[in-house]
Amino acid sequence: MPDASAPGFAKRPDYPLTVETFQGRVRTSIAGIVLADSRRIKLLRESPYPPVFYFPASDVRIDEFLEPTDHATTCPYKGQASYWSFTMGDRVEDNIAWAYGDPYRETATIAGHLSFYWDRMDCWFLDDKQITRPPA
């Protein structure tokens, strides 16, 4: 798909979606475990949604704490997303992380990156400061 244009942009070329390199270190944790920690973040802004951090897969503890699921969704601007769940003891968070393994050309820079649902993670940090919402 990276060589294909997003069908959503064909219909709405002015759709507000951007991907930028984010400056700073971002970490997120659940059940006391840091699942992702990176200085190589992509920040996706898509109106009307809050901004979303995308972590390089190599900076996410996928093999240790995440299990792939059969869940999939399709976005006309980004492509098809795959999902992962987190389980630790009694704590289960189904489909908490997702990635566009083969995104459309316009969002190709998020290939190889995973994201997490903001409100389902316990903590988020920007550099060494805990944050309570994505950057504006």
C-alpha atoms as a PDB file:
ATOM      1  CA  MET A   1       0.000   0.000   0.000  1.00  0.00           C
ATOM      2  CA  PRO A   2       2.766   2.614   0.499  1.00  0.00           C
ATOM      3  CA  ASP A   3       2.766   3.175  -3.252  1.00  0.00           C
ATOM      4  CA  ALA A   4      -1.001   3.686  -3.250  1.00  0.00           C
ATOM      5  CA  SER A   5      -2.677   7.001  -2.515  1.00  0.00           C
ATOM      6  CA  ALA A   6      -5.258   7.098   0.228  1.00  0.00           C
ATOM      7  CA  PRO A   7      -8.801   6.930  -1.169  1.00  0.00           C
ATOM      8  CA  GLY A   8      -9.895   9.332   1.569  1.00  0.00           C
ATOM      9  CA  PHE A   9      -7.627  12.079   0.217  1.00  0.00           C
ATOM     10  CA  ALA A  10      -8.951  11.475  -3.315  1.00  0.00           C
ATOM     11  CA  LYS A  11     -12.407  12.416  -1.994  1.00  0.00           C
ATOM     12  CA  ARG A  12     -11.258  15.083   0.473  1.00  0.00           C
ATOM     13  CA  PRO A  13      -7.820  16.408  -0.520  1.00  0.00           C
ATOM     14  CA  ASP A  14      -8.023  19.087   2.188  1.00  0.00           C
ATOM     15  CA  TYR A  15      -8.653  16.577   5.008  1.00  0.00           C
ATOM     16  CA  PRO A  16      -6.664  17.793   8.055  1.00  0.00           C
ATOM     17  CA  LEU A  17      -4.106  15.025   8.705  1.00  0.00           C
ATOM     18  CA  THR A  18      -0.384  15.539   9.256  1.00  0.00           C
ATOM     19  CA  VAL A  19       2.494  13.420  10.530  1.00  0.00           C
ATOM     20  CA  GLU A  20       5.508  15.128  12.042  1.00  0.00           C
ATOM     21  CA  THR A  21       8.646  14.128  13.898  1.00  0.00           C
ATOM     22  CA  PHE A  22       8.136  14.867  17.587  1.00  0.00           C
ATOM     23  CA  GLN A  23      10.990  16.317  19.614  1.00  0.00           C
ATOM     24  CA  GLY A  24      11.476  14.808  23.049  1.00  0.00           C
ATOM     25  CA  ARG A  25      11.289  11.496  24.858  1.00  0.00           C
ATOM     26  CA  VAL A  26       7.863   9.897  25.260  1.00  0.00           C
ATOM     27  CA  ARG A  27       7.079   6.958  27.552  1.00  0.00           C
ATOM     28  CA  THR A  28       3.854   5.187  28.389  1.00  0.00           C
ATOM     29  CA  SER A  29       3.097   2.511  30.960  1.00  0.00           C
ATOM     30  CA  ILE A  30       0.401   0.175  32.189  1.00  0.00           C
ATOM     31  CA  ALA A  31       0.289  -1.979  35.332  1.00  0.00           C
ATOM     32  CA  GLY A  32       3.633  -0.482  36.368  1.00  0.00           C
ATOM     33  CA  ILE A  33       5.335  -1.628  33.139  1.00  0.00           C
ATOM     34  CA  VAL A  34       6.793   0.798  30.619  1.00  0.00           C
ATOM     35  CA  LEU A  35       5.563  -0.570  27.287  1.00  0.00           C
ATOM     36  CA  ALA A  36       7.061   2.102  25.057  1.00  0.00           C
ATOM     37  CA  ASP A  37       9.958   4.523  25.475  1.00  0.00           C
ATOM     38  CA  SER A  38      11.333   6.518  22.563  1.00  0.00           C
ATOM     39  CA  ARG A  39      12.996   9.689  21.343  1.00  0.00           C
ATOM     40  CA  ARG A  40      12.017   8.794  17.750  1.00  0.00           C
ATOM     41  CA  ILE A  41       8.309   9.570  17.937  1.00  0.00           C
ATOM     42  CA  LYS A  42       5.952  10.438  15.119  1.00  0.00           C
ATOM     43  CA  LEU A  43       3.006  12.652  16.054  1.00  0.00           C
ATOM     44  CA  LEU A  44      -0.099  12.231  13.938  1.00  0.00           C
ATOM     45  CA  ARG A  45      -2.612  15.052  13.980  1.00  0.00           C
ATOM     46  CA  GLU A  46      -5.991  14.270  12.488  1.00  0.00           C
ATOM     47  CA  SER A  47      -8.826  16.671  13.085  1.00  0.00           C
ATOM     48  CA  PRO A  48     -11.194  16.275  14.923  1.00  0.00           C
ATOM     49  CA  TYR A  49      -9.253  13.691  17.001  1.00  0.00           C
ATOM     50  CA  PRO A  50      -6.602  14.357  19.653  1.00  0.00           C
ATOM     51  CA  PRO A  51      -2.986  13.997  18.484  1.00  0.00           C
ATOM     52  CA  VAL A  52      -1.547  10.468  18.611  1.00  0.00           C
ATOM     53  CA  PHE A  53       2.017   9.346  19.377  1.00  0.00           C
ATOM     54  CA  TYR A  54       3.448   6.604  17.147  1.00  0.00           C
ATOM     55  CA  PHE A  55       6.424   4.705  18.603  1.00  0.00           C
ATOM     56  CA  PRO A  56       8.948   2.829  16.443  1.00  0.00           C
ATOM     57  CA  ALA A  57       8.224  -0.893  16.921  1.00  0.00           C
ATOM     58  CA  SER A  58      11.794  -1.405  18.132  1.00  0.00           C
ATOM     59  CA  ASP A  59      11.043   0.943  21.066  1.00  0.00           C
ATOM     60  CA  VAL A  60       7.937  -1.012  22.158  1.00  0.00           C
ATOM     61  CA  ARG A  61       8.091  -4.133  24.327  1.00  0.00           C
ATOM     62  CA  ILE A  62       5.912  -6.097  21.920  1.00  0.00           C
ATOM     63  CA  ASP A  63       7.294  -9.599  22.422  1.00  0.00           C
ATOM     64  CA  GLU A  64       7.321  -9.297  26.210  1.00  0.00           C
ATOM     65  CA  PHE A  65       3.870  -7.862  26.917  1.00  0.00           C
ATOM     66  CA  LEU A  66       1.687  -7.553  23.816  1.00  0.00           C
ATOM     67  CA  GLU A  67      -0.239 -10.268  22.020  1.00  0.00           C
ATOM     68  CA  PRO A  68      -1.494  -9.808  18.441  1.00  0.00           C
ATOM     69  CA  THR A  69      -5.256 -10.078  17.973  1.00  0.00           C
ATOM     70  CA  ASP A  70      -7.532 -10.804  15.024  1.00  0.00           C
ATOM     71  CA  HIS A  71      -9.067  -7.335  15.275  1.00  0.00           C
ATOM     72  CA  ALA A  72      -8.495  -5.055  12.277  1.00  0.00           C
ATOM     73  CA  THR A  73      -9.878  -1.733  11.108  1.00  0.00           C
ATOM     74  CA  THR A  74      -9.519   0.258   7.913  1.00  0.00           C
ATOM     75  CA  CYS A  75      -9.055   4.006   7.666  1.00  0.00           C
ATOM     76  CA  PRO A  76      -9.511   5.685   4.265  1.00  0.00           C
ATOM     77  CA  TYR A  77      -6.563   7.987   5.102  1.00  0.00           C
ATOM     78  CA  LYS A  78      -4.085   5.618   6.755  1.00  0.00           C
ATOM     79  CA  GLY A  79      -4.928   2.073   5.622  1.00  0.00           C
ATOM     80  CA  GLN A  80      -5.538  -1.170   7.522  1.00  0.00           C
ATOM     81  CA  ALA A  81      -4.616  -1.355  11.204  1.00  0.00           C
ATOM     82  CA  SER A  82      -3.606  -4.437  13.168  1.00  0.00           C
ATOM     83  CA  TYR A  83      -4.056  -4.612  16.958  1.00  0.00           C
ATOM     84  CA  TRP A  84      -2.389  -5.991  20.094  1.00  0.00           C
ATOM     85  CA  SER A  85      -3.732  -6.701  23.591  1.00  0.00           C
ATOM     86  CA  PHE A  86      -2.059  -6.480  26.997  1.00  0.00           C
ATOM     87  CA  THR A  87      -2.618  -9.067  29.747  1.00  0.00           C
ATOM     88  CA  MET A  88      -0.940  -9.124  33.158  1.00  0.00           C
ATOM     89  CA  GLY A  89      -2.655 -11.118  35.903  1.00  0.00           C
ATOM     90  CA  ASP A  90      -6.214  -9.825  36.196  1.00  0.00           C
ATOM     91  CA  ARG A  91      -5.475  -6.776  34.049  1.00  0.00           C
ATOM     92  CA  VAL A  92      -6.635  -7.275  30.467  1.00  0.00           C
ATOM     93  CA  GLU A  93      -6.717  -4.499  27.880  1.00  0.00           C
ATOM     94  CA  ASP A  94      -7.961  -5.854  24.577  1.00  0.00           C
ATOM     95  CA  ASN A  95      -6.759  -4.134  21.423  1.00  0.00           C
ATOM     96  CA  ILE A  96      -4.876  -1.443  23.342  1.00  0.00           C
ATOM     97  CA  ALA A  97      -2.231  -0.890  20.652  1.00  0.00           C
ATOM     98  CA  TRP A  98      -2.414  -0.648  16.880  1.00  0.00           C
ATOM     99  CA  ALA A  99      -0.212  -0.169  13.850  1.00  0.00           C
ATOM    100  CA  TYR A 100      -0.622   0.484  10.156  1.00  0.00           C
ATOM    101  CA  GLY A 101       1.837  -2.050   8.787  1.00  0.00           C
ATOM    102  CA  ASP A 102       1.466  -0.902   5.205  1.00  0.00           C
ATOM    103  CA  PRO A 103      -0.052   2.599   5.281  1.00  0.00           C
ATOM    104  CA  TYR A 104      -1.030   4.685   2.289  1.00  0.00           C
ATOM    105  CA  ARG A 105       1.574   6.932   0.657  1.00  0.00           C
ATOM    106  CA  GLU A 106       0.448  10.091   2.482  1.00  0.00           C
ATOM    107  CA  THR A 107       1.083   8.513   5.903  1.00  0.00           C
ATOM    108  CA  ALA A 108       3.931   6.159   4.971  1.00  0.00           C
ATOM    109  CA  THR A 109       6.149   7.551   7.758  1.00  0.00           C
ATOM    110  CA  ILE A 110       4.069   5.716  10.406  1.00  0.00           C
ATOM    111  CA  ALA A 111       4.937   2.321   8.905  1.00  0.00           C
ATOM    112  CA  GLY A 112       6.798   0.274  11.509  1.00  0.00           C
ATOM    113  CA  HIS A 113       5.294   2.322  14.355  1.00  0.00           C
ATOM    114  CA  LEU A 114       2.728   1.427  17.040  1.00  0.00           C
ATOM    115  CA  SER A 115       0.324   3.618  18.940  1.00  0.00           C
ATOM    116  CA  PHE A 116      -1.661   3.182  22.144  1.00  0.00           C
ATOM    117  CA  TYR A 117      -5.077   4.384  23.234  1.00  0.00           C
ATOM    118  CA  TRP A 118      -4.283   7.378  25.410  1.00  0.00           C
ATOM    119  CA  ASP A 119      -7.004   6.839  28.012  1.00  0.00           C
ATOM    120  CA  ARG A 120      -6.339   3.111  28.449  1.00  0.00           C
ATOM    121  CA  MET A 121      -2.709   3.527  29.496  1.00  0.00           C
ATOM    122  CA  ASP A 122      -1.956   4.340  33.143  1.00  0.00           C
ATOM    123  CA  CYS A 123       0.777   6.963  32.665  1.00  0.00           C
ATOM    124  CA  TRP A 124       2.343   9.070  29.934  1.00  0.00           C
ATOM    125  CA  PHE A 125       5.592  11.029  30.228  1.00  0.00           C
ATOM    126  CA  LEU A 126       7.123  13.708  28.043  1.00  0.00           C
ATOM    127  CA  ASP A 127      10.813  13.843  28.878  1.00  0.00           C
ATOM    128  CA  ASP A 128      10.614  13.369  32.689  1.00  0.00           C
ATOM    129  CA  LYS A 129       7.299  15.127  33.253  1.00  0.00           C
ATOM    130  CA  GLN A 130       4.028  13.213  33.550  1.00  0.00           C
ATOM    131  CA  ILE A 131       1.428  14.512  31.115  1.00  0.00           C
ATOM    132  CA  THR A 132      -2.333  14.109  31.253  1.00  0.00           C
ATOM    133  CA  ARG A 133      -3.216  14.728  27.608  1.00  0.00           C
ATOM    134  CA  PRO A 134      -1.586  14.670  24.189  1.00  0.00           C
ATOM    135  CA  PRO A 135       0.183  17.857  23.067  1.00  0.00           C
ATOM    136  CA  ALA A 136      -2.053  20.433  21.412  1.00  0.00           C
END
